[in-house]
Amino acid sequence: MDYESGVQKGIKEGKPILVDFYADWCGPCRMMDEITYENQKVIEEVTKNFIPVKVDVSEEKNIAYQYNVYSIPTIVYLDKNGNEVYRTIGYRNASQFLQDMNEALSRMS
């Protein structure tokens, strides 16, 4: 989902938002798409707990600047009001990603 639609949907539904800042030329970003995001448990947890959003930093530089994203992949976790509560930088395998999601959710309650 694109950034604007995702944030609006998250706020409307009262659901946290997971924003993945990436670029097509980024090797670790492609690894996350091919490995981490293909993990069944990751898919289930993301779908259950977040509105997932992807932001291509090559196309949407203004959004990347807004969040001070200078390295990718960067995952920014937003609460249901669109406020940042947690972020990670760099490649995350499935177990790290699941831990990150739990950490972000724990900071929202």
PDB file of N, CA and C in Angstrom:
ATOM      1  N   MET A   1       0.854  -1.183   0.000  1.00  0.00           N
ATOM      2  CA  MET A   1       0.000   0.000   0.000  1.00  0.00           C
ATOM      3  C   MET A   1       0.893   1.237   0.000  1.00  0.00           C
ATOM      4  N   ASP A   2       0.470   2.283  -0.692  1.00  0.00           N
ATOM      5  CA  ASP A   2       1.277   3.497  -0.713  1.00  0.00           C
ATOM      6  C   ASP A   2       1.130   4.248   0.616  1.00  0.00           C
ATOM      7  N   TYR A   3       2.054   5.154   0.850  1.00  0.00           N
ATOM      8  CA  TYR A   3       2.165   5.835   2.140  1.00  0.00           C
ATOM      9  C   TYR A   3       0.884   6.557   2.558  1.00  0.00           C
ATOM     10  N   GLU A   4       0.393   7.451   1.706  1.00  0.00           N
ATOM     11  CA  GLU A   4      -0.787   8.250   2.073  1.00  0.00           C
ATOM     12  C   GLU A   4      -1.993   7.366   2.392  1.00  0.00           C
ATOM     13  N   SER A   5      -2.271   6.400   1.510  1.00  0.00           N
ATOM     14  CA  SER A   5      -3.414   5.505   1.726  1.00  0.00           C
ATOM     15  C   SER A   5      -3.242   4.693   3.004  1.00  0.00           C
ATOM     16  N   GLY A   6      -2.027   4.195   3.221  1.00  0.00           N
ATOM     17  CA  GLY A   6      -1.762   3.363   4.393  1.00  0.00           C
ATOM     18  C   GLY A   6      -1.931   4.116   5.699  1.00  0.00           C
ATOM     19  N   VAL A   7      -1.384   5.326   5.757  1.00  0.00           N
ATOM     20  CA  VAL A   7      -1.499   6.115   6.989  1.00  0.00           C
ATOM     21  C   VAL A   7      -2.960   6.477   7.248  1.00  0.00           C
ATOM     22  N   GLN A   8      -3.661   6.894   6.209  1.00  0.00           N
ATOM     23  CA  GLN A   8      -5.077   7.230   6.379  1.00  0.00           C
ATOM     24  C   GLN A   8      -5.884   6.014   6.844  1.00  0.00           C
ATOM     25  N   LYS A   9      -5.608   4.855   6.247  1.00  0.00           N
ATOM     26  CA  LYS A   9      -6.316   3.633   6.627  1.00  0.00           C
ATOM     27  C   LYS A   9      -6.008   3.267   8.076  1.00  0.00           C
ATOM     28  N   GLY A  10      -4.735   3.373   8.484  1.00  0.00           N
ATOM     29  CA  GLY A  10      -4.343   3.058   9.856  1.00  0.00           C
ATOM     30  C   GLY A  10      -5.053   3.950  10.862  1.00  0.00           C
ATOM     31  N   ILE A  11      -5.082   5.239  10.583  1.00  0.00           N
ATOM     32  CA  ILE A  11      -5.740   6.183  11.488  1.00  0.00           C
ATOM     33  C   ILE A  11      -7.242   5.905  11.525  1.00  0.00           C
ATOM     34  N   LYS A  12      -7.837   5.680  10.359  1.00  0.00           N
ATOM     35  CA  LYS A  12      -9.280   5.419  10.274  1.00  0.00           C
ATOM     36  C   LYS A  12      -9.655   4.142  11.025  1.00  0.00           C
ATOM     37  N   GLU A  13      -8.840   3.085  10.868  1.00  0.00           N
ATOM     38  CA  GLU A  13      -9.145   1.801  11.495  1.00  0.00           C
ATOM     39  C   GLU A  13      -8.568   1.669  12.903  1.00  0.00           C
ATOM     40  N   GLY A  14      -7.794   2.666  13.339  1.00  0.00           N
ATOM     41  CA  GLY A  14      -7.179   2.594  14.662  1.00  0.00           C
ATOM     42  C   GLY A  14      -6.146   1.482  14.754  1.00  0.00           C
ATOM     43  N   LYS A  15      -5.403   1.278  13.652  1.00  0.00           N
ATOM     44  CA  LYS A  15      -4.426   0.194  13.587  1.00  0.00           C
ATOM     45  C   LYS A  15      -3.031   0.771  13.351  1.00  0.00           C
ATOM     46  N   PRO A  16      -1.997   0.210  13.995  1.00  0.00           N
ATOM     47  CA  PRO A  16      -0.632   0.689  13.768  1.00  0.00           C
ATOM     48  C   PRO A  16      -0.199   0.479  12.314  1.00  0.00           C
ATOM     49  N   ILE A  17       0.819   1.243  11.912  1.00  0.00           N
ATOM     50  CA  ILE A  17       1.303   1.224  10.538  1.00  0.00           C
ATOM     51  C   ILE A  17       2.776   0.824  10.539  1.00  0.00           C
ATOM     52  N   LEU A  18       3.138  -0.061   9.627  1.00  0.00           N
ATOM     53  CA  LEU A  18       4.520  -0.486   9.451  1.00  0.00           C
ATOM     54  C   LEU A  18       4.977   0.082   8.110  1.00  0.00           C
ATOM     55  N   VAL A  19       5.978   0.969   8.143  1.00  0.00           N
ATOM     56  CA  VAL A  19       6.449   1.613   6.920  1.00  0.00           C
ATOM     57  C   VAL A  19       7.833   1.065   6.566  1.00  0.00           C
ATOM     58  N   ASP A  20       7.925   0.419   5.413  1.00  0.00           N
ATOM     59  CA  ASP A  20       9.177  -0.149   4.919  1.00  0.00           C
ATOM     60  C   ASP A  20       9.776   0.803   3.899  1.00  0.00           C
ATOM     61  N   PHE A  21      10.899   1.448   4.256  1.00  0.00           N
ATOM     62  CA  PHE A  21      11.611   2.322   3.329  1.00  0.00           C
ATOM     63  C   PHE A  21      12.643   1.467   2.596  1.00  0.00           C
ATOM     64  N   TYR A  22      12.562   1.443   1.265  1.00  0.00           N
ATOM     65  CA  TYR A  22      13.403   0.557   0.459  1.00  0.00           C
ATOM     66  C   TYR A  22      13.741   1.225  -0.868  1.00  0.00           C
ATOM     67  N   ALA A  23      14.552   0.537  -1.669  1.00  0.00           N
ATOM     68  CA  ALA A  23      14.796   0.920  -3.065  1.00  0.00           C
ATOM     69  C   ALA A  23      15.050  -0.360  -3.856  1.00  0.00           C
ATOM     70  N   ASP A  24      14.686  -0.336  -5.126  1.00  0.00           N
ATOM     71  CA  ASP A  24      14.867  -1.519  -5.975  1.00  0.00           C
ATOM     72  C   ASP A  24      16.340  -1.915  -6.106  1.00  0.00           C
ATOM     73  N   TRP A  25      17.243  -0.939  -6.036  1.00  0.00           N
ATOM     74  CA  TRP A  25      18.668  -1.210  -6.200  1.00  0.00           C
ATOM     75  C   TRP A  25      19.344  -1.695  -4.913  1.00  0.00           C
ATOM     76  N   CYS A  26      18.606  -1.765  -3.822  1.00  0.00           N
ATOM     77  CA  CYS A  26      19.158  -2.105  -2.499  1.00  0.00           C
ATOM     78  C   CYS A  26      19.138  -3.625  -2.298  1.00  0.00           C
ATOM     79  N   GLY A  27      20.323  -4.236  -2.212  1.00  0.00           N
ATOM     80  CA  GLY A  27      20.436  -5.683  -2.021  1.00  0.00           C
ATOM     81  C   GLY A  27      19.742  -6.195  -0.767  1.00  0.00           C
ATOM     82  N   PRO A  28      20.027  -5.602   0.414  1.00  0.00           N
ATOM     83  CA  PRO A  28      19.357  -6.061   1.636  1.00  0.00           C
ATOM     84  C   PRO A  28      17.832  -5.880   1.581  1.00  0.00           C
ATOM     85  N   CYS A  29      17.362  -4.853   0.856  1.00  0.00           N
ATOM     86  CA  CYS A  29      15.909  -4.651   0.707  1.00  0.00           C
ATOM     87  C   CYS A  29      15.308  -5.806  -0.095  1.00  0.00           C
ATOM     88  N   ARG A  30      15.997  -6.194  -1.168  1.00  0.00           N
ATOM     89  CA  ARG A  30      15.514  -7.317  -1.982  1.00  0.00           C
ATOM     90  C   ARG A  30      15.535  -8.608  -1.175  1.00  0.00           C
ATOM     91  N   MET A  31      16.558  -8.775  -0.334  1.00  0.00           N
ATOM     92  CA  MET A  31      16.621  -9.968   0.521  1.00  0.00           C
ATOM     93  C   MET A  31      15.425 -10.008   1.474  1.00  0.00           C
ATOM     94  N   MET A  32      15.045  -8.859   2.009  1.00  0.00           N
ATOM     95  CA  MET A  32      13.879  -8.829   2.905  1.00  0.00           C
ATOM     96  C   MET A  32      12.625  -9.214   2.137  1.00  0.00           C
ATOM     97  N   ASP A  33      12.469  -8.697   0.909  1.00  0.00           N
ATOM     98  CA  ASP A  33      11.305  -9.055   0.081  1.00  0.00           C
ATOM     99  C   ASP A  33      11.285 -10.556  -0.216  1.00  0.00           C
ATOM    100  N   GLU A  34      12.444 -11.112  -0.545  1.00  0.00           N
ATOM    101  CA  GLU A  34      12.520 -12.508  -0.983  1.00  0.00           C
ATOM    102  C   GLU A  34      12.539 -13.509   0.162  1.00  0.00           C
ATOM    103  N   ILE A  35      13.051 -13.118   1.322  1.00  0.00           N
ATOM    104  CA  ILE A  35      13.201 -14.063   2.433  1.00  0.00           C
ATOM    105  C   ILE A  35      12.274 -13.706   3.601  1.00  0.00           C
ATOM    106  N   THR A  36      12.515 -12.564   4.222  1.00  0.00           N
ATOM    107  CA  THR A  36      11.775 -12.193   5.438  1.00  0.00           C
ATOM    108  C   THR A  36      10.282 -12.072   5.182  1.00  0.00           C
ATOM    109  N   TYR A  37       9.914 -11.321   4.135  1.00  0.00           N
ATOM    110  CA  TYR A  37       8.493 -11.070   3.872  1.00  0.00           C
ATOM    111  C   TYR A  37       7.774 -12.265   3.258  1.00  0.00           C
ATOM    112  N   GLU A  38       8.501 -13.322   2.935  1.00  0.00           N
ATOM    113  CA  GLU A  38       7.882 -14.548   2.432  1.00  0.00           C
ATOM    114  C   GLU A  38       7.618 -15.535   3.568  1.00  0.00           C
ATOM    115  N   ASN A  39       8.152 -15.258   4.768  1.00  0.00           N
ATOM    116  CA  ASN A  39       7.962 -16.134   5.916  1.00  0.00           C
ATOM    117  C   ASN A  39       6.495 -16.102   6.361  1.00  0.00           C
ATOM    118  N   GLN A  40       5.893 -17.263   6.508  1.00  0.00           N
ATOM    119  CA  GLN A  40       4.458 -17.348   6.805  1.00  0.00           C
ATOM    120  C   GLN A  40       4.102 -16.660   8.123  1.00  0.00           C
ATOM    121  N   LYS A  41       4.918 -16.836   9.149  1.00  0.00           N
ATOM    122  CA  LYS A  41       4.650 -16.213  10.459  1.00  0.00           C
ATOM    123  C   LYS A  41       4.738 -14.683  10.349  1.00  0.00           C
ATOM    124  N   VAL A  42       5.712 -14.184   9.586  1.00  0.00           N
ATOM    125  CA  VAL A  42       5.841 -12.733   9.382  1.00  0.00           C
ATOM    126  C   VAL A  42       4.598 -12.202   8.676  1.00  0.00           C
ATOM    127  N   ILE A  43       4.161 -12.901   7.628  1.00  0.00           N
ATOM    128  CA  ILE A  43       2.965 -12.480   6.888  1.00  0.00           C
ATOM    129  C   ILE A  43       1.752 -12.424   7.816  1.00  0.00           C
ATOM    130  N   GLU A  44       1.582 -13.471   8.629  1.00  0.00           N
ATOM    131  CA  GLU A  44       0.438 -13.523   9.551  1.00  0.00           C
ATOM    132  C   GLU A  44       0.463 -12.389  10.558  1.00  0.00           C
ATOM    133  N   GLU A  45       1.621 -12.156  11.170  1.00  0.00           N
ATOM    134  CA  GLU A  45       1.733 -11.131  12.212  1.00  0.00           C
ATOM    135  C   GLU A  45       1.585  -9.714  11.649  1.00  0.00           C
ATOM    136  N   VAL A  46       2.174  -9.475  10.482  1.00  0.00           N
ATOM    137  CA  VAL A  46       2.037  -8.150   9.864  1.00  0.00           C
ATOM    138  C   VAL A  46       0.570  -7.896   9.534  1.00  0.00           C
ATOM    139  N   THR A  47      -0.071  -8.881   8.900  1.00  0.00           N
ATOM    140  CA  THR A  47      -1.473  -8.736   8.488  1.00  0.00           C
ATOM    141  C   THR A  47      -2.393  -8.536   9.690  1.00  0.00           C
ATOM    142  N   LYS A  48      -2.114  -9.237  10.766  1.00  0.00           N
ATOM    143  CA  LYS A  48      -2.961  -9.167  11.962  1.00  0.00           C
ATOM    144  C   LYS A  48      -2.789  -7.846  12.717  1.00  0.00           C
ATOM    145  N   ASN A  49      -1.554  -7.347  12.787  1.00  0.00           N
ATOM    146  CA  ASN A  49      -1.256  -6.239  13.694  1.00  0.00           C
ATOM    147  C   ASN A  49      -1.021  -4.873  13.062  1.00  0.00           C
ATOM    148  N   PHE A  50      -0.760  -4.827  11.755  1.00  0.00           N
ATOM    149  CA  PHE A  50      -0.335  -3.566  11.135  1.00  0.00           C
ATOM    150  C   PHE A  50      -1.007  -3.334   9.784  1.00  0.00           C
ATOM    151  N   ILE A  51      -0.986  -2.069   9.371  1.00  0.00           N
ATOM    152  CA  ILE A  51      -1.246  -1.706   7.988  1.00  0.00           C
ATOM    153  C   ILE A  51       0.155  -1.603   7.358  1.00  0.00           C
ATOM    154  N   PRO A  52       0.505  -2.509   6.434  1.00  0.00           N
ATOM    155  CA  PRO A  52       1.848  -2.447   5.842  1.00  0.00           C
ATOM    156  C   PRO A  52       1.926  -1.440   4.698  1.00  0.00           C
ATOM    157  N   VAL A  53       2.999  -0.649   4.697  1.00  0.00           N
ATOM    158  CA  VAL A  53       3.216   0.387   3.696  1.00  0.00           C
ATOM    159  C   VAL A  53       4.658   0.274   3.205  1.00  0.00           C
ATOM    160  N   LYS A  54       4.850   0.426   1.907  1.00  0.00           N
ATOM    161  CA  LYS A  54       6.204   0.446   1.351  1.00  0.00           C
ATOM    162  C   LYS A  54       6.450   1.816   0.730  1.00  0.00           C
ATOM    163  N   VAL A  55       7.642   2.377   0.990  1.00  0.00           N
ATOM    164  CA  VAL A  55       8.020   3.675   0.432  1.00  0.00           C
ATOM    165  C   VAL A  55       9.346   3.496  -0.306  1.00  0.00           C
ATOM    166  N   ASP A  56       9.316   3.696  -1.624  1.00  0.00           N
ATOM    167  CA  ASP A  56      10.527   3.635  -2.444  1.00  0.00           C
ATOM    168  C   ASP A  56      11.245   4.972  -2.294  1.00  0.00           C
ATOM    169  N   VAL A  57      12.405   4.960  -1.635  1.00  0.00           N
ATOM    170  CA  VAL A  57      13.111   6.215  -1.350  1.00  0.00           C
ATOM    171  C   VAL A  57      13.605   6.902  -2.624  1.00  0.00           C
ATOM    172  N   SER A  58      13.749   6.163  -3.718  1.00  0.00           N
ATOM    173  CA  SER A  58      14.153   6.779  -4.988  1.00  0.00           C
ATOM    174  C   SER A  58      13.015   7.588  -5.589  1.00  0.00           C
ATOM    175  N   GLU A  59      11.781   7.146  -5.343  1.00  0.00           N
ATOM    176  CA  GLU A  59      10.602   7.800  -5.908  1.00  0.00           C
ATOM    177  C   GLU A  59       9.999   8.838  -4.955  1.00  0.00           C
ATOM    178  N   GLU A  60      10.082   8.566  -3.663  1.00  0.00           N
ATOM    179  CA  GLU A  60       9.404   9.414  -2.674  1.00  0.00           C
ATOM    180  C   GLU A  60      10.402   9.954  -1.651  1.00  0.00           C
ATOM    181  N   LYS A  61      11.352  10.729  -2.157  1.00  0.00           N
ATOM    182  CA  LYS A  61      12.413  11.283  -1.311  1.00  0.00           C
ATOM    183  C   LYS A  61      11.863  12.142  -0.177  1.00  0.00           C
ATOM    184  N   ASN A  62      10.789  12.886  -0.451  1.00  0.00           N
ATOM    185  CA  ASN A  62      10.232  13.792   0.569  1.00  0.00           C
ATOM    186  C   ASN A  62       9.741  13.020   1.799  1.00  0.00           C
ATOM    187  N   ILE A  63       9.157  11.842   1.587  1.00  0.00           N
ATOM    188  CA  ILE A  63       8.695  11.047   2.735  1.00  0.00           C
ATOM    189  C   ILE A  63       9.898  10.496   3.498  1.00  0.00           C
ATOM    190  N   ALA A  64      10.923  10.059   2.771  1.00  0.00           N
ATOM    191  CA  ALA A  64      12.145   9.570   3.425  1.00  0.00           C
ATOM    192  C   ALA A  64      12.783  10.680   4.261  1.00  0.00           C
ATOM    193  N   TYR A  65      12.849  11.890   3.713  1.00  0.00           N
ATOM    194  CA  TYR A  65      13.407  13.022   4.470  1.00  0.00           C
ATOM    195  C   TYR A  65      12.554  13.334   5.692  1.00  0.00           C
ATOM    196  N   GLN A  66      11.245  13.269   5.531  1.00  0.00           N
ATOM    197  CA  GLN A  66      10.321  13.553   6.642  1.00  0.00           C
ATOM    198  C   GLN A  66      10.618  12.642   7.834  1.00  0.00           C
ATOM    199  N   TYR A  67      11.020  11.399   7.559  1.00  0.00           N
ATOM    200  CA  TYR A  67      11.309  10.432   8.623  1.00  0.00           C
ATOM    201  C   TYR A  67      12.801  10.284   8.901  1.00  0.00           C
ATOM    202  N   ASN A  68      13.616  11.179   8.347  1.00  0.00           N
ATOM    203  CA  ASN A  68      15.072  11.118   8.541  1.00  0.00           C
ATOM    204  C   ASN A  68      15.645   9.752   8.198  1.00  0.00           C
ATOM    205  N   VAL A  69      15.225   9.220   7.058  1.00  0.00           N
ATOM    206  CA  VAL A  69      15.730   7.932   6.599  1.00  0.00           C
ATOM    207  C   VAL A  69      16.928   8.188   5.692  1.00  0.00           C
ATOM    208  N   TYR A  70      18.100   7.731   6.136  1.00  0.00           N
ATOM    209  CA  TYR A  70      19.326   7.920   5.368  1.00  0.00           C
ATOM    210  C   TYR A  70      19.979   6.599   5.001  1.00  0.00           C
ATOM    211  N   SER A  71      19.507   5.507   5.574  1.00  0.00           N
ATOM    212  CA  SER A  71      19.996   4.165   5.270  1.00  0.00           C
ATOM    213  C   SER A  71      18.797   3.292   5.007  1.00  0.00           C
ATOM    214  N   ILE A  72      18.958   2.331   4.101  1.00  0.00           N
ATOM    215  CA  ILE A  72      17.854   1.409   3.847  1.00  0.00           C
ATOM    216  C   ILE A  72      18.396  -0.012   3.849  1.00  0.00           C
ATOM    217  N   PRO A  73      17.560  -0.976   4.171  1.00  0.00           N
ATOM    218  CA  PRO A  73      16.160  -0.810   4.544  1.00  0.00           C
ATOM    219  C   PRO A  73      16.000  -0.219   5.948  1.00  0.00           C
ATOM    220  N   THR A  74      15.022   0.649   6.083  1.00  0.00           N
ATOM    221  CA  THR A  74      14.609   1.163   7.389  1.00  0.00           C
ATOM    222  C   THR A  74      13.133   0.835   7.548  1.00  0.00           C
ATOM    223  N   ILE A  75      12.791   0.258   8.692  1.00  0.00           N
ATOM    224  CA  ILE A  75      11.395  -0.038   9.006  1.00  0.00           C
ATOM    225  C   ILE A  75      10.990   0.909  10.128  1.00  0.00           C
ATOM    226  N   VAL A  76       9.932   1.686   9.890  1.00  0.00           N
ATOM    227  CA  VAL A  76       9.426   2.623  10.896  1.00  0.00           C
ATOM    228  C   VAL A  76       8.041   2.135  11.319  1.00  0.00           C
ATOM    229  N   TYR A  77       7.865   2.008  12.623  1.00  0.00           N
ATOM    230  CA  TYR A  77       6.588   1.564  13.188  1.00  0.00           C
ATOM    231  C   TYR A  77       5.858   2.779  13.737  1.00  0.00           C
ATOM    232  N   LEU A  78       4.636   2.988  13.251  1.00  0.00           N
ATOM    233  CA  LEU A  78       3.814   4.119  13.684  1.00  0.00           C
ATOM    234  C   LEU A  78       2.626   3.605  14.480  1.00  0.00           C
ATOM    235  N   ASP A  79       2.253   4.344  15.526  1.00  0.00           N
ATOM    236  CA  ASP A  79       1.060   3.956  16.275  1.00  0.00           C
ATOM    237  C   ASP A  79      -0.186   4.331  15.475  1.00  0.00           C
ATOM    238  N   LYS A  80      -1.346   4.055  16.036  1.00  0.00           N
ATOM    239  CA  LYS A  80      -2.607   4.274  15.305  1.00  0.00           C
ATOM    240  C   LYS A  80      -2.870   5.742  14.985  1.00  0.00           C
ATOM    241  N   ASN A  81      -2.118   6.654  15.614  1.00  0.00           N
ATOM    242  CA  ASN A  81      -2.262   8.084  15.323  1.00  0.00           C
ATOM    243  C   ASN A  81      -1.208   8.588  14.346  1.00  0.00           C
ATOM    244  N   GLY A  82      -0.340   7.662  13.873  1.00  0.00           N
ATOM    245  CA  GLY A  82       0.689   8.057  12.927  1.00  0.00           C
ATOM    246  C   GLY A  82       1.974   8.549  13.551  1.00  0.00           C
ATOM    247  N   ASN A  83       2.151   8.340  14.864  1.00  0.00           N
ATOM    248  CA  ASN A  83       3.364   8.766  15.550  1.00  0.00           C
ATOM    249  C   ASN A  83       4.378   7.627  15.593  1.00  0.00           C
ATOM    250  N   GLU A  84       5.642   7.939  15.309  1.00  0.00           N
ATOM    251  CA  GLU A  84       6.681   6.914  15.328  1.00  0.00           C
ATOM    252  C   GLU A  84       6.925   6.423  16.755  1.00  0.00           C
ATOM    253  N   VAL A  85       6.988   5.093  16.912  1.00  0.00           N
ATOM    254  CA  VAL A  85       7.272   4.518  18.225  1.00  0.00           C
ATOM    255  C   VAL A  85       8.543   3.668  18.221  1.00  0.00           C
ATOM    256  N   TYR A  86       8.976   3.230  17.028  1.00  0.00           N
ATOM    257  CA  TYR A  86      10.130   2.335  16.957  1.00  0.00           C
ATOM    258  C   TYR A  86      10.621   2.297  15.520  1.00  0.00           C
ATOM    259  N   ARG A  87      11.932   2.007  15.343  1.00  0.00           N
ATOM    260  CA  ARG A  87      12.467   1.830  13.994  1.00  0.00           C
ATOM    261  C   ARG A  87      13.662   0.893  14.027  1.00  0.00           C
ATOM    262  N   THR A  88      13.879   0.243  12.896  1.00  0.00           N
ATOM    263  CA  THR A  88      15.063  -0.593  12.727  1.00  0.00           C
ATOM    264  C   THR A  88      15.719  -0.197  11.408  1.00  0.00           C
ATOM    265  N   ILE A  89      17.026  -0.392  11.348  1.00  0.00           N
ATOM    266  CA  ILE A  89      17.783  -0.071  10.150  1.00  0.00           C
ATOM    267  C   ILE A  89      18.595  -1.302   9.768  1.00  0.00           C
ATOM    268  N   GLY A  90      18.538  -1.672   8.489  1.00  0.00           N
ATOM    269  CA  GLY A  90      19.307  -2.810   8.003  1.00  0.00           C
ATOM    270  C   GLY A  90      18.457  -4.059   7.847  1.00  0.00           C
ATOM    271  N   TYR A  91      19.078  -5.060   7.236  1.00  0.00           N
ATOM    272  CA  TYR A  91      18.390  -6.321   6.980  1.00  0.00           C
ATOM    273  C   TYR A  91      17.961  -6.985   8.280  1.00  0.00           C
ATOM    274  N   ARG A  92      16.745  -7.517   8.297  1.00  0.00           N
ATOM    275  CA  ARG A  92      16.213  -8.251   9.449  1.00  0.00           C
ATOM    276  C   ARG A  92      15.729  -9.603   8.942  1.00  0.00           C
ATOM    277  N   ASN A  93      16.192 -10.689   9.568  1.00  0.00           N
ATOM    278  CA  ASN A  93      15.646 -11.992   9.197  1.00  0.00           C
ATOM    279  C   ASN A  93      14.281 -12.150   9.857  1.00  0.00           C
ATOM    280  N   ALA A  94      13.607 -13.254   9.585  1.00  0.00           N
ATOM    281  CA  ALA A  94      12.227 -13.418  10.069  1.00  0.00           C
ATOM    282  C   ALA A  94      12.135 -13.337  11.585  1.00  0.00           C
ATOM    283  N   SER A  95      13.039 -14.028  12.307  1.00  0.00           N
ATOM    284  CA  SER A  95      12.926 -14.002  13.772  1.00  0.00           C
ATOM    285  C   SER A  95      13.215 -12.611  14.331  1.00  0.00           C
ATOM    286  N   GLN A  96      14.191 -11.904  13.755  1.00  0.00           N
ATOM    287  CA  GLN A  96      14.459 -10.526  14.193  1.00  0.00           C
ATOM    288  C   GLN A  96      13.254  -9.637  13.904  1.00  0.00           C
ATOM    289  N   PHE A  97      12.663  -9.819  12.735  1.00  0.00           N
ATOM    290  CA  PHE A  97      11.526  -8.994  12.335  1.00  0.00           C
ATOM    291  C   PHE A  97      10.343  -9.215  13.270  1.00  0.00           C
ATOM    292  N   LEU A  98      10.106 -10.471  13.635  1.00  0.00           N
ATOM    293  CA  LEU A  98       9.019 -10.773  14.581  1.00  0.00           C
ATOM    294  C   LEU A  98       9.289 -10.130  15.934  1.00  0.00           C
ATOM    295  N   GLN A  99      10.540 -10.176  16.396  1.00  0.00           N
ATOM    296  CA  GLN A  99      10.899  -9.516  17.659  1.00  0.00           C
ATOM    297  C   GLN A  99      10.697  -8.005  17.558  1.00  0.00           C
ATOM    298  N   ASP A 100      11.086  -7.434  16.422  1.00  0.00           N
ATOM    299  CA  ASP A 100      10.915  -5.987  16.213  1.00  0.00           C
ATOM    300  C   ASP A 100       9.440  -5.598  16.285  1.00  0.00           C
ATOM    301  N   MET A 101       8.585  -6.385  15.638  1.00  0.00           N
ATOM    302  CA  MET A 101       7.144  -6.083  15.664  1.00  0.00           C
ATOM    303  C   MET A 101       6.611  -6.140  17.094  1.00  0.00           C
ATOM    304  N   ASN A 102       7.035  -7.150  17.853  1.00  0.00           N
ATOM    305  CA  ASN A 102       6.583  -7.258  19.247  1.00  0.00           C
ATOM    306  C   ASN A 102       7.076  -6.083  20.084  1.00  0.00           C
ATOM    307  N   GLU A 103       8.318  -5.663  19.854  1.00  0.00           N
ATOM    308  CA  GLU A 103       8.868  -4.516  20.567  1.00  0.00           C
ATOM    309  C   GLU A 103       8.060  -3.254  20.238  1.00  0.00           C
ATOM    310  N   ALA A 104       7.769  -3.059  18.966  1.00  0.00           N
ATOM    311  CA  ALA A 104       7.002  -1.878  18.547  1.00  0.00           C
ATOM    312  C   ALA A 104       5.604  -1.901  19.184  1.00  0.00           C
ATOM    313  N   LEU A 105       4.956  -3.059  19.137  1.00  0.00           N
ATOM    314  CA  LEU A 105       3.606  -3.172  19.720  1.00  0.00           C
ATOM    315  C   LEU A 105       3.637  -2.921  21.220  1.00  0.00           C
ATOM    316  N   SER A 106       4.681  -3.391  21.899  1.00  0.00           N
ATOM    317  CA  SER A 106       4.762  -3.191  23.351  1.00  0.00           C
ATOM    318  C   SER A 106       4.934  -1.715  23.699  1.00  0.00           C
ATOM    319  N   ARG A 107       5.515  -0.937  22.817  1.00  0.00           N
ATOM    320  CA  ARG A 107       5.689   0.495  23.050  1.00  0.00           C
ATOM    321  C   ARG A 107       4.428   1.292  22.776  1.00  0.00           C
ATOM    322  N   MET A 108       3.427   0.652  22.192  1.00  0.00           N
ATOM    323  CA  MET A 108       2.187   1.343  21.857  1.00  0.00           C
ATOM    324  C   MET A 108       1.132   1.178  22.933  1.00  0.00           C
ATOM    325  N   SER A 109       1.324   0.208  23.826  1.00  0.00           N
ATOM    326  CA  SER A 109       0.250  -0.045  24.807  1.00  0.00           C
ATOM    327  C   SER A 109       0.500   0.639  26.115  1.00  0.00           C
TER     328      SER A 109
END
